[in-house]
Amino acid sequence: GTGPVHYGVCSNYLNEITDGEPLYVFVRR
């Protein structure tokens, strides 16, 4: 879960999920 700092909430939930899979989720948003 090492994402951009400006993605506060996103980074938080990304930490709980596998690092890599959820990346494309918020990217496509």
PDB file of N, CA and C in Angstrom:
ATOM      1  N   GLY A   1       0.814  -1.205   0.000  1.00  0.00           N
ATOM      2  CA  GLY A   1       0.000   0.000   0.000  1.00  0.00           C
ATOM      3  C   GLY A   1       0.844   1.250   0.000  1.00  0.00           C
ATOM      4  N   THR A   2       1.645   1.433  -1.048  1.00  0.00           N
ATOM      5  CA  THR A   2       2.464   2.654  -1.124  1.00  0.00           C
ATOM      6  C   THR A   2       1.990   3.498  -2.293  1.00  0.00           C
ATOM      7  N   GLY A   3       0.949   4.298  -2.065  1.00  0.00           N
ATOM      8  CA  GLY A   3       0.399   5.130  -3.135  1.00  0.00           C
ATOM      9  C   GLY A   3       0.649   6.597  -2.857  1.00  0.00           C
ATOM     10  N   PRO A   4       0.230   7.447  -3.787  1.00  0.00           N
ATOM     11  CA  PRO A   4       0.389   8.898  -3.647  1.00  0.00           C
ATOM     12  C   PRO A   4      -0.215   9.411  -2.352  1.00  0.00           C
ATOM     13  N   VAL A   5       0.424  10.406  -1.749  1.00  0.00           N
ATOM     14  CA  VAL A   5      -0.057  10.946  -0.481  1.00  0.00           C
ATOM     15  C   VAL A   5      -1.401  11.646  -0.674  1.00  0.00           C
ATOM     16  N   HIS A   6      -1.591  12.297  -1.821  1.00  0.00           N
ATOM     17  CA  HIS A   6      -2.830  13.028  -2.059  1.00  0.00           C
ATOM     18  C   HIS A   6      -4.018  12.077  -2.175  1.00  0.00           C
ATOM     19  N   TYR A   7      -3.733  10.785  -2.250  1.00  0.00           N
ATOM     20  CA  TYR A   7      -4.812   9.808  -2.264  1.00  0.00           C
ATOM     21  C   TYR A   7      -5.038   9.279  -0.853  1.00  0.00           C
ATOM     22  N   GLY A   8      -5.320  10.168   0.070  1.00  0.00           N
ATOM     23  CA  GLY A   8      -5.493   9.797   1.473  1.00  0.00           C
ATOM     24  C   GLY A   8      -6.412   8.607   1.664  1.00  0.00           C
ATOM     25  N   VAL A   9      -7.690   8.780   1.354  1.00  0.00           N
ATOM     26  CA  VAL A   9      -8.666   7.713   1.559  1.00  0.00           C
ATOM     27  C   VAL A   9      -8.331   6.497   0.707  1.00  0.00           C
ATOM     28  N   CYS A  10      -8.016   6.738  -0.559  1.00  0.00           N
ATOM     29  CA  CYS A  10      -7.698   5.638  -1.474  1.00  0.00           C
ATOM     30  C   CYS A  10      -6.528   4.826  -0.947  1.00  0.00           C
ATOM     31  N   SER A  11      -5.461   5.519  -0.538  1.00  0.00           N
ATOM     32  CA  SER A  11      -4.274   4.825  -0.031  1.00  0.00           C
ATOM     33  C   SER A  11      -4.634   3.975   1.178  1.00  0.00           C
ATOM     34  N   ASN A  12      -5.511   4.507   2.039  1.00  0.00           N
ATOM     35  CA  ASN A  12      -5.910   3.775   3.236  1.00  0.00           C
ATOM     36  C   ASN A  12      -6.568   2.448   2.878  1.00  0.00           C
ATOM     37  N   TYR A  13      -7.519   2.479   1.973  1.00  0.00           N
ATOM     38  CA  TYR A  13      -8.226   1.238   1.618  1.00  0.00           C
ATOM     39  C   TYR A  13      -7.340   0.360   0.759  1.00  0.00           C
ATOM     40  N   LEU A  14      -6.403   0.974   0.031  1.00  0.00           N
ATOM     41  CA  LEU A  14      -5.471   0.198  -0.787  1.00  0.00           C
ATOM     42  C   LEU A  14      -4.566  -0.630   0.097  1.00  0.00           C
ATOM     43  N   ASN A  15      -4.239  -0.087   1.276  1.00  0.00           N
ATOM     44  CA  ASN A  15      -3.375  -0.796   2.214  1.00  0.00           C
ATOM     45  C   ASN A  15      -3.993  -2.126   2.623  1.00  0.00           C
ATOM     46  N   GLU A  16      -5.318  -2.158   2.768  1.00  0.00           N
ATOM     47  CA  GLU A  16      -5.982  -3.387   3.201  1.00  0.00           C
ATOM     48  C   GLU A  16      -6.044  -4.409   2.074  1.00  0.00           C
ATOM     49  N   ILE A  17      -6.068  -3.921   0.836  1.00  0.00           N
ATOM     50  CA  ILE A  17      -6.148  -4.827  -0.313  1.00  0.00           C
ATOM     51  C   ILE A  17      -4.751  -5.124  -0.850  1.00  0.00           C
ATOM     52  N   THR A  18      -4.628  -6.152  -1.653  1.00  0.00           N
ATOM     53  CA  THR A  18      -3.333  -6.514  -2.221  1.00  0.00           C
ATOM     54  C   THR A  18      -2.763  -5.352  -3.021  1.00  0.00           C
ATOM     55  N   ASP A  19      -1.480  -5.061  -2.796  1.00  0.00           N
ATOM     56  CA  ASP A  19      -0.847  -3.943  -3.480  1.00  0.00           C
ATOM     57  C   ASP A  19      -0.591  -4.286  -4.945  1.00  0.00           C
ATOM     58  N   GLY A  20      -1.388  -3.698  -5.844  1.00  0.00           N
ATOM     59  CA  GLY A  20      -1.195  -3.951  -7.262  1.00  0.00           C
ATOM     60  C   GLY A  20      -2.524  -4.117  -7.981  1.00  0.00           C
ATOM     61  N   GLU A  21      -3.397  -4.954  -7.424  1.00  0.00           N
ATOM     62  CA  GLU A  21      -4.686  -5.190  -8.059  1.00  0.00           C
ATOM     63  C   GLU A  21      -5.592  -3.959  -8.039  1.00  0.00           C
ATOM     64  N   PRO A  22      -5.770  -3.326  -6.862  1.00  0.00           N
ATOM     65  CA  PRO A  22      -6.666  -2.172  -6.756  1.00  0.00           C
ATOM     66  C   PRO A  22      -6.134  -0.945  -7.478  1.00  0.00           C
ATOM     67  N   LEU A  23      -4.885  -0.991  -7.925  1.00  0.00           N
ATOM     68  CA  LEU A  23      -4.284   0.161  -8.589  1.00  0.00           C
ATOM     69  C   LEU A  23      -5.092   0.556  -9.819  1.00  0.00           C
ATOM     70  N   TYR A  24      -5.467  -0.424 -10.637  1.00  0.00           N
ATOM     71  CA  TYR A  24      -6.200  -0.127 -11.857  1.00  0.00           C
ATOM     72  C   TYR A  24      -7.613   0.357 -11.562  1.00  0.00           C
ATOM     73  N   VAL A  25      -8.107   0.039 -10.355  1.00  0.00           N
ATOM     74  CA  VAL A  25      -9.471   0.425  -9.981  1.00  0.00           C
ATOM     75  C   VAL A  25      -9.607   1.933  -9.901  1.00  0.00           C
ATOM     76  N   PHE A  26      -8.727   2.587  -9.115  1.00  0.00           N
ATOM     77  CA  PHE A  26      -8.840   4.036  -8.950  1.00  0.00           C
ATOM     78  C   PHE A  26      -8.230   4.773 -10.130  1.00  0.00           C
ATOM     79  N   VAL A  27      -7.403   4.075 -10.901  1.00  0.00           N
ATOM     80  CA  VAL A  27      -6.798   4.713 -12.076  1.00  0.00           C
ATOM     81  C   VAL A  27      -7.843   4.917 -13.160  1.00  0.00           C
ATOM     82  N   ARG A  28      -8.720   3.921 -13.316  1.00  0.00           N
ATOM     83  CA  ARG A  28      -9.754   3.997 -14.348  1.00  0.00           C
ATOM     84  C   ARG A  28     -10.834   4.996 -13.967  1.00  0.00           C
ATOM     85  N   ARG A  29     -10.940   5.305 -12.667  1.00  0.00           N
ATOM     86  CA  ARG A  29     -11.940   6.255 -12.205  1.00  0.00           C
ATOM     87  C   ARG A  29     -11.610   7.629 -12.748  1.00  0.00           C
TER      88      ARG A  29
END
